[in-house]
Structures are given as C-alpha cells and as structure tokens.
Amino acid sequence: MLLKTLLAALCAAVAVPLVASADAVPDAAAKTITADYALVCTATQDPTDANLAAAFGLLAPDFVHVDFKGKQMLRDEFIAQGKQEIKQLHVTSCANTIQSTTSSDPSTIIVVVSGKIAGQLQAPDGNHELEATTGSQDTWKLVNGTWLQTQSKDVSALVKIDGKVVQDEGN
C-alpha cells in the first residue's frame, strides 16, 4: 500500500508528447495536458510546497482515484496521502509514455499513460533503492477553460525496493 498515492500521481503525471488517438485531440489541449503531466513530474522530483500545490491543483474538486480493487479515494484524501508519502521519497528520475489518448467530446480526454520513477525510499531501517513502473487511465475535463483531472484508474504497477519486487499488479 505504501507509495500507492504517489505512484498514482506519477501515472497521472509525467509526460512526453501525446500520441495519436482514435478521435483527434486538439493540439492546444494536448500541449496543455502534456505540460500538466510534466508539472507533476517536477513536483515529484522537487517537492516544494509551491510545486506540490501546483501539481495537486490539477485535480478537479470531484477528482476520484480508483485502485486495482475498485476502491475509490476522493481528492482531499488522495492529496493528504500523497503529501505524506512524498516525504519518504527522494526521486532522482521520472519518465512517462503516453500510450493513447481519446476524446469522446470536446471537453473530455482519456489518457492511458505509463510512468517510471527511480530514487530512494526513506524507511525506519534506512534508505532503500526504489524503482516503480506504473500505468493508469486518466480522465481530463475542460472546466471553465482549464483542463483538470477528474479520475485516475490504476491499470498496472511494478514496484521494486532494493531490486526485490514488492508489488506486481496488472502486469
């Protein structure tokens, strides 16, 4: 369960240019969402109060995170858990690949994204090397001229600590 929120945020968060989709995503929307994912990566690697506030500000007031078992976590709980977990991490690298995007209407974009982070996890018994590869399906909505994430659903997670697999779901 450790790192679940941060890993979900990563999936919802780090970016390379959006790839082709079934229904074309307008260039302006693609650029904005790509920048939003990059902002979350920045916050993951440099978790200042300002960076975290900006990254969590991308979540809509009605944001819901859905884990592998279908359990839902609302925005405020997701943010609180994420802030707590980020204190235990020193992320040295993060990268992401957009697998696909679809636009069901002009104000909704679904992004399937995979991400990878590496760094150190601070635990009571000392620091440990962390590697995590995750995947999610994220829903973005245009709200009053701003793209906000309304949902992130876990698709996959492979987490290794000191090279040992501690979580493997959806792979």
C-alpha atoms as a PDB file:
ATOM      1  CA  MET A   1       0.000   0.000   0.000  1.00  0.00           C
ATOM      2  CA  LEU A   2       2.997   2.241   0.570  1.00  0.00           C
ATOM      3  CA  LEU A   3       3.557   4.625  -2.329  1.00  0.00           C
ATOM      4  CA  LYS A   4       0.134   3.959  -3.876  1.00  0.00           C
ATOM      5  CA  THR A   5      -0.874   7.603  -3.947  1.00  0.00           C
ATOM      6  CA  LEU A   6       2.470   8.815  -5.213  1.00  0.00           C
ATOM      7  CA  LEU A   7       2.546   6.129  -7.876  1.00  0.00           C
ATOM      8  CA  ALA A   8      -0.970   7.018  -8.942  1.00  0.00           C
ATOM      9  CA  ALA A   9       0.040  10.651  -9.092  1.00  0.00           C
ATOM     10  CA  LEU A  10       3.036   9.682 -11.179  1.00  0.00           C
ATOM     11  CA  CYS A  11       0.843   7.795 -13.601  1.00  0.00           C
ATOM     12  CA  ALA A  12      -1.369  10.764 -13.714  1.00  0.00           C
ATOM     13  CA  ALA A  13       1.575  12.937 -14.049  1.00  0.00           C
ATOM     14  CA  VAL A  14       4.738  12.714 -16.106  1.00  0.00           C
ATOM     15  CA  ALA A  15       4.796  13.234 -19.845  1.00  0.00           C
ATOM     16  CA  VAL A  16       6.074  13.031 -23.325  1.00  0.00           C
ATOM     17  CA  PRO A  17       4.071  14.356 -26.262  1.00  0.00           C
ATOM     18  CA  LEU A  18       0.616  12.902 -26.652  1.00  0.00           C
ATOM     19  CA  VAL A  19       0.389  10.265 -29.383  1.00  0.00           C
ATOM     20  CA  ALA A  20      -2.304   9.696 -31.978  1.00  0.00           C
ATOM     21  CA  SER A  21      -5.776   8.887 -30.735  1.00  0.00           C
ATOM     22  CA  ALA A  22      -8.988   7.387 -32.046  1.00  0.00           C
ATOM     23  CA  ASP A  23     -10.622  10.816 -32.014  1.00  0.00           C
ATOM     24  CA  ALA A  24      -8.118  13.577 -32.586  1.00  0.00           C
ATOM     25  CA  VAL A  25      -7.191  15.566 -29.519  1.00  0.00           C
ATOM     26  CA  PRO A  26      -6.784  19.250 -30.405  1.00  0.00           C
ATOM     27  CA  ASP A  27      -3.154  20.428 -30.357  1.00  0.00           C
ATOM     28  CA  ALA A  28      -3.810  23.086 -27.712  1.00  0.00           C
ATOM     29  CA  ALA A  29      -5.403  20.537 -25.371  1.00  0.00           C
ATOM     30  CA  ALA A  30      -2.609  18.023 -25.972  1.00  0.00           C
ATOM     31  CA  LYS A  31       0.054  20.634 -25.197  1.00  0.00           C
ATOM     32  CA  THR A  32      -1.731  21.740 -22.027  1.00  0.00           C
ATOM     33  CA  ILE A  33      -2.194  18.207 -20.708  1.00  0.00           C
ATOM     34  CA  THR A  34       1.408  17.330 -21.576  1.00  0.00           C
ATOM     35  CA  ALA A  35       2.567  20.382 -19.615  1.00  0.00           C
ATOM     36  CA  ASP A  36       0.319  19.345 -16.716  1.00  0.00           C
ATOM     37  CA  TYR A  37       1.897  15.869 -16.615  1.00  0.00           C
ATOM     38  CA  ALA A  38       5.358  17.448 -16.684  1.00  0.00           C
ATOM     39  CA  LEU A  39       4.418  19.707 -13.768  1.00  0.00           C
ATOM     40  CA  VAL A  40       3.535  16.697 -11.641  1.00  0.00           C
ATOM     41  CA  CYS A  41       6.887  15.099 -12.508  1.00  0.00           C
ATOM     42  CA  THR A  42       8.618  18.279 -11.408  1.00  0.00           C
ATOM     43  CA  ALA A  43       6.745  18.148  -8.097  1.00  0.00           C
ATOM     44  CA  THR A  44       7.711  14.505  -7.648  1.00  0.00           C
ATOM     45  CA  GLN A  45      11.397  15.281  -8.103  1.00  0.00           C
ATOM     46  CA  ASP A  46      11.355  18.665  -6.321  1.00  0.00           C
ATOM     47  CA  PRO A  47       8.525  18.503  -3.762  1.00  0.00           C
ATOM     48  CA  THR A  48       8.495  22.112  -2.609  1.00  0.00           C
ATOM     49  CA  ASP A  49       5.217  23.433  -1.240  1.00  0.00           C
ATOM     50  CA  ALA A  50       4.745  25.521  -4.399  1.00  0.00           C
ATOM     51  CA  ASN A  51       5.395  22.581  -6.750  1.00  0.00           C
ATOM     52  CA  LEU A  52       3.085  20.283  -4.806  1.00  0.00           C
ATOM     53  CA  ALA A  53       0.330  22.908  -4.691  1.00  0.00           C
ATOM     54  CA  ALA A  54       0.601  23.418  -8.446  1.00  0.00           C
ATOM     55  CA  ALA A  55       0.548  19.681  -9.163  1.00  0.00           C
ATOM     56  CA  PHE A  56      -2.347  18.902  -6.835  1.00  0.00           C
ATOM     57  CA  GLY A  57      -4.126  21.964  -8.254  1.00  0.00           C
ATOM     58  CA  LEU A  58      -4.551  19.976 -11.477  1.00  0.00           C
ATOM     59  CA  LEU A  59      -7.065  17.723  -9.720  1.00  0.00           C
ATOM     60  CA  ALA A  60     -10.714  18.684 -10.110  1.00  0.00           C
ATOM     61  CA  PRO A  61     -12.705  19.228  -6.903  1.00  0.00           C
ATOM     62  CA  ASP A  62     -14.591  15.994  -7.699  1.00  0.00           C
ATOM     63  CA  PHE A  63     -11.404  14.008  -8.539  1.00  0.00           C
ATOM     64  CA  VAL A  64     -11.533  10.279  -7.737  1.00  0.00           C
ATOM     65  CA  HIS A  65      -8.651   7.799  -7.696  1.00  0.00           C
ATOM     66  CA  VAL A  66      -9.672   4.167  -8.317  1.00  0.00           C
ATOM     67  CA  ASP A  67      -7.270   1.428  -7.233  1.00  0.00           C
ATOM     68  CA  PHE A  68      -6.923  -2.111  -8.589  1.00  0.00           C
ATOM     69  CA  LYS A  69      -9.687  -3.422  -6.351  1.00  0.00           C
ATOM     70  CA  GLY A  70     -12.114  -0.664  -7.325  1.00  0.00           C
ATOM     71  CA  LYS A  71     -11.704   1.231  -4.060  1.00  0.00           C
ATOM     72  CA  GLN A  72     -12.247   4.935  -4.588  1.00  0.00           C
ATOM     73  CA  MET A  73     -10.294   7.712  -2.893  1.00  0.00           C
ATOM     74  CA  LEU A  74     -11.585  11.277  -3.084  1.00  0.00           C
ATOM     75  CA  ARG A  75      -9.384  14.275  -3.867  1.00  0.00           C
ATOM     76  CA  ASP A  76      -8.673  15.507  -0.328  1.00  0.00           C
ATOM     77  CA  GLU A  77      -7.690  12.058   0.950  1.00  0.00           C
ATOM     78  CA  PHE A  78      -5.588  11.448  -2.197  1.00  0.00           C
ATOM     79  CA  ILE A  79      -3.705  14.719  -1.671  1.00  0.00           C
ATOM     80  CA  ALA A  80      -3.168  14.115   2.067  1.00  0.00           C
ATOM     81  CA  GLN A  81      -1.830  10.625   1.440  1.00  0.00           C
ATOM     82  CA  GLY A  82       0.359  11.851  -1.424  1.00  0.00           C
ATOM     83  CA  LYS A  83       1.903  14.600   0.703  1.00  0.00           C
ATOM     84  CA  GLN A  84       2.662  12.104   3.462  1.00  0.00           C
ATOM     85  CA  GLU A  85       4.245   9.567   1.095  1.00  0.00           C
ATOM     86  CA  ILE A  86       6.363  12.110  -0.791  1.00  0.00           C
ATOM     87  CA  LYS A  87       8.147  12.912   2.486  1.00  0.00           C
ATOM     88  CA  GLN A  88       9.633   9.396   2.407  1.00  0.00           C
ATOM     89  CA  LEU A  89      10.993   9.659  -1.134  1.00  0.00           C
ATOM     90  CA  HIS A  90      13.905  11.174  -2.958  1.00  0.00           C
ATOM     91  CA  VAL A  91      13.042  10.713  -6.634  1.00  0.00           C
ATOM     92  CA  THR A  92      16.077  11.018  -8.892  1.00  0.00           C
ATOM     93  CA  SER A  93      14.406  10.250 -12.216  1.00  0.00           C
ATOM     94  CA  CYS A  94      10.981  10.054 -13.683  1.00  0.00           C
ATOM     95  CA  ALA A  95       9.751   9.457 -17.212  1.00  0.00           C
ATOM     96  CA  ASN A  96       6.439   8.736 -18.810  1.00  0.00           C
ATOM     97  CA  THR A  97       4.989   7.429 -22.034  1.00  0.00           C
ATOM     98  CA  ILE A  98       1.549   8.324 -23.289  1.00  0.00           C
ATOM     99  CA  GLN A  99       0.129   5.107 -24.693  1.00  0.00           C
ATOM    100  CA  SER A 100      -3.041   6.597 -26.152  1.00  0.00           C
ATOM    101  CA  THR A 101      -5.477   9.471 -25.995  1.00  0.00           C
ATOM    102  CA  THR A 102      -9.119   9.611 -26.954  1.00  0.00           C
ATOM    103  CA  SER A 103     -11.563  12.466 -26.966  1.00  0.00           C
ATOM    104  CA  SER A 104     -15.195  11.468 -26.583  1.00  0.00           C
ATOM    105  CA  ASP A 105     -16.289  15.096 -26.786  1.00  0.00           C
ATOM    106  CA  PRO A 106     -14.528  18.479 -26.981  1.00  0.00           C
ATOM    107  CA  SER A 107     -14.310  18.766 -23.196  1.00  0.00           C
ATOM    108  CA  THR A 108     -13.196  15.214 -22.254  1.00  0.00           C
ATOM    109  CA  ILE A 109      -9.885  13.471 -22.909  1.00  0.00           C
ATOM    110  CA  ILE A 110      -8.946   9.965 -21.764  1.00  0.00           C
ATOM    111  CA  VAL A 111      -5.186   9.379 -21.460  1.00  0.00           C
ATOM    112  CA  VAL A 112      -3.598   5.963 -20.964  1.00  0.00           C
ATOM    113  CA  VAL A 113      -0.147   6.615 -19.539  1.00  0.00           C
ATOM    114  CA  SER A 114       2.734   4.592 -18.142  1.00  0.00           C
ATOM    115  CA  GLY A 115       5.379   6.078 -15.907  1.00  0.00           C
ATOM    116  CA  LYS A 116       8.651   5.132 -14.315  1.00  0.00           C
ATOM    117  CA  ILE A 117      10.357   6.605 -11.273  1.00  0.00           C
ATOM    118  CA  ALA A 118      13.573   5.741  -9.515  1.00  0.00           C
ATOM    119  CA  GLY A 119      15.159   7.009  -6.347  1.00  0.00           C
ATOM    120  CA  GLN A 120      15.410   6.311  -2.671  1.00  0.00           C
ATOM    121  CA  LEU A 121      12.779   5.393  -0.119  1.00  0.00           C
ATOM    122  CA  GLN A 122      13.480   6.502   3.444  1.00  0.00           C
ATOM    123  CA  ALA A 123      12.292   3.853   5.881  1.00  0.00           C
ATOM    124  CA  PRO A 124      12.819   3.304   9.627  1.00  0.00           C
ATOM    125  CA  ASP A 125      15.575   0.801   8.805  1.00  0.00           C
ATOM    126  CA  GLY A 126      17.410   3.184   6.451  1.00  0.00           C
ATOM    127  CA  ASN A 127      17.332   4.198   2.788  1.00  0.00           C
ATOM    128  CA  HIS A 128      16.359   1.760   0.060  1.00  0.00           C
ATOM    129  CA  GLU A 129      16.599   1.931  -3.718  1.00  0.00           C
ATOM    130  CA  LEU A 130      13.171   2.288  -5.311  1.00  0.00           C
ATOM    131  CA  GLU A 131      12.054   1.574  -8.870  1.00  0.00           C
ATOM    132  CA  ALA A 132       8.417   1.804  -9.889  1.00  0.00           C
ATOM    133  CA  THR A 133       6.712   1.381 -13.238  1.00  0.00           C
ATOM    134  CA  THR A 134       3.028   2.203 -13.274  1.00  0.00           C
ATOM    135  CA  GLY A 135       0.121   2.612 -15.639  1.00  0.00           C
ATOM    136  CA  SER A 136      -3.193   4.409 -15.376  1.00  0.00           C
ATOM    137  CA  GLN A 137      -6.179   5.555 -17.360  1.00  0.00           C
ATOM    138  CA  ASP A 138      -6.791   9.232 -16.630  1.00  0.00           C
ATOM    139  CA  THR A 139      -9.826  11.325 -17.450  1.00  0.00           C
ATOM    140  CA  TRP A 140      -9.351  15.062 -18.052  1.00  0.00           C
ATOM    141  CA  LYS A 141     -12.220  17.537 -18.362  1.00  0.00           C
ATOM    142  CA  LEU A 142     -12.227  21.107 -19.575  1.00  0.00           C
ATOM    143  CA  VAL A 143     -13.680  23.118 -16.685  1.00  0.00           C
ATOM    144  CA  ASN A 144     -14.082  26.884 -17.116  1.00  0.00           C
ATOM    145  CA  GLY A 145     -11.255  26.952 -19.649  1.00  0.00           C
ATOM    146  CA  THR A 146      -8.863  24.788 -17.609  1.00  0.00           C
ATOM    147  CA  TRP A 147      -8.051  21.095 -18.098  1.00  0.00           C
ATOM    148  CA  LEU A 148      -8.490  19.286 -14.766  1.00  0.00           C
ATOM    149  CA  GLN A 149      -8.090  15.620 -13.982  1.00  0.00           C
ATOM    150  CA  THR A 150     -11.344  14.113 -12.758  1.00  0.00           C
ATOM    151  CA  GLN A 151     -10.321  10.462 -12.435  1.00  0.00           C
ATOM    152  CA  SER A 152      -7.262   8.240 -12.368  1.00  0.00           C
ATOM    153  CA  LYS A 153      -7.745   4.492 -12.533  1.00  0.00           C
ATOM    154  CA  ASP A 154      -4.829   2.162 -11.763  1.00  0.00           C
ATOM    155  CA  VAL A 155      -4.018  -0.195 -14.638  1.00  0.00           C
ATOM    156  CA  SER A 156      -0.639  -1.634 -13.624  1.00  0.00           C
ATOM    157  CA  ALA A 157       2.121  -1.327 -11.030  1.00  0.00           C
ATOM    158  CA  LEU A 158       5.506  -2.971 -10.656  1.00  0.00           C
ATOM    159  CA  VAL A 159       7.392  -1.738  -7.591  1.00  0.00           C
ATOM    160  CA  LYS A 160      10.851  -2.891  -6.598  1.00  0.00           C
ATOM    161  CA  ILE A 161      12.699  -1.999  -3.423  1.00  0.00           C
ATOM    162  CA  ASP A 162      16.390  -2.857  -3.389  1.00  0.00           C
ATOM    163  CA  GLY A 163      15.751  -4.850  -6.581  1.00  0.00           C
ATOM    164  CA  LYS A 164      13.101  -7.066  -4.960  1.00  0.00           C
ATOM    165  CA  VAL A 165       9.513  -6.980  -6.292  1.00  0.00           C
ATOM    166  CA  VAL A 166       7.153  -5.763  -3.551  1.00  0.00           C
ATOM    167  CA  GLN A 167       4.107  -5.044  -5.737  1.00  0.00           C
ATOM    168  CA  ASP A 168       3.120  -6.501  -9.103  1.00  0.00           C
ATOM    169  CA  GLU A 169      -0.425  -5.804 -10.248  1.00  0.00           C
ATOM    170  CA  GLY A 170      -1.951  -5.644 -13.701  1.00  0.00           C
ATOM    171  CA  ASN A 171       1.224  -6.814 -15.458  1.00  0.00           C
END
